[in-house]
Amino acid sequence: MIKVNLLDSVTDRAKGVAAVEEKVANPRTQTMLLALVVFGILTAGMLYDYYSSSNALDDQQKQKAEQEQVQAQMVAVNQERLDLEKKTAAVQSRIDAIQALRTSQQGPGAVLREIKLRFDSIPGLYFKNVKQSGQELVITGVSPNEASVTNFAKSLEFSSGLFTNVSIETQREELKPDASDKNAQEVAEDPDAPKPEVVSFTVKCTYGAAAPAQPSAAPGKAVPASQVAQK
């Protein structure tokens, strides 16, 4: 049977606690413990500062990379804007050149179109030439009769102000036969045969496409007739 002396164990335990208290109360031990605590605090502070600084550096580098990317995108956008402005300016210059060309060609083209429309509407008229000096027009041609010339002059006069100051000069001329038409040449050589005649005419007027249309005459007032001079 095992016997335990409880008095001896309690006495030994008391001596152990006293030894520990004695060691803790020792100034050298206290200094070492204080040094360990301070070292631990410093180490923890250094580790915290290192990790916080490292995280802050990473964040700054990320922000810098994002800013550089945004800056690169802005440079690309500005370059595209400059290229687009250059292309727009080139297109606009072409448009201006085309408009200027159309404007320069609009006058004669519009005059010829208006005259051709009136020539085509009257049968028997043959167009020879049109001379334009500013807004003044001189139209020459031939017709088998004077009635067609008069109708042509009226179509110019009643054009809502497009053609004004219309005057006509006519002259009868002998019709020269075509060199390839032998029958016509034989008729022309025959002194007793009647000679065919045509009416050669010259129409002078003022072209005012840019001028506003003249108001219509009031009821009861006569519209001035064209000046017709026949020779």
Foldseek 3Di string as FASTA:
>chain_A
DDDDDPVVVVVVVVVVVVVVVVQCPDVVNVVVVVVVVVVVVVVVVVVVVVVVVVVVVVVVVVVVVVVVVVVVVVVVVVVVVVVVVVVVVVVVVVVVVVVVVCVVVVVVVVVVVLLVVLVVVQPFWAWDDWDDDPQKIKTKTKGQDVVSVQSSQVSQPPPQPQKAQKEKEKDKDFDDDDPVDVVVVVQVPDPPHDTRIMIIMMIMIGGDPVDHGDDDDDPPDDDDDHHYDYD
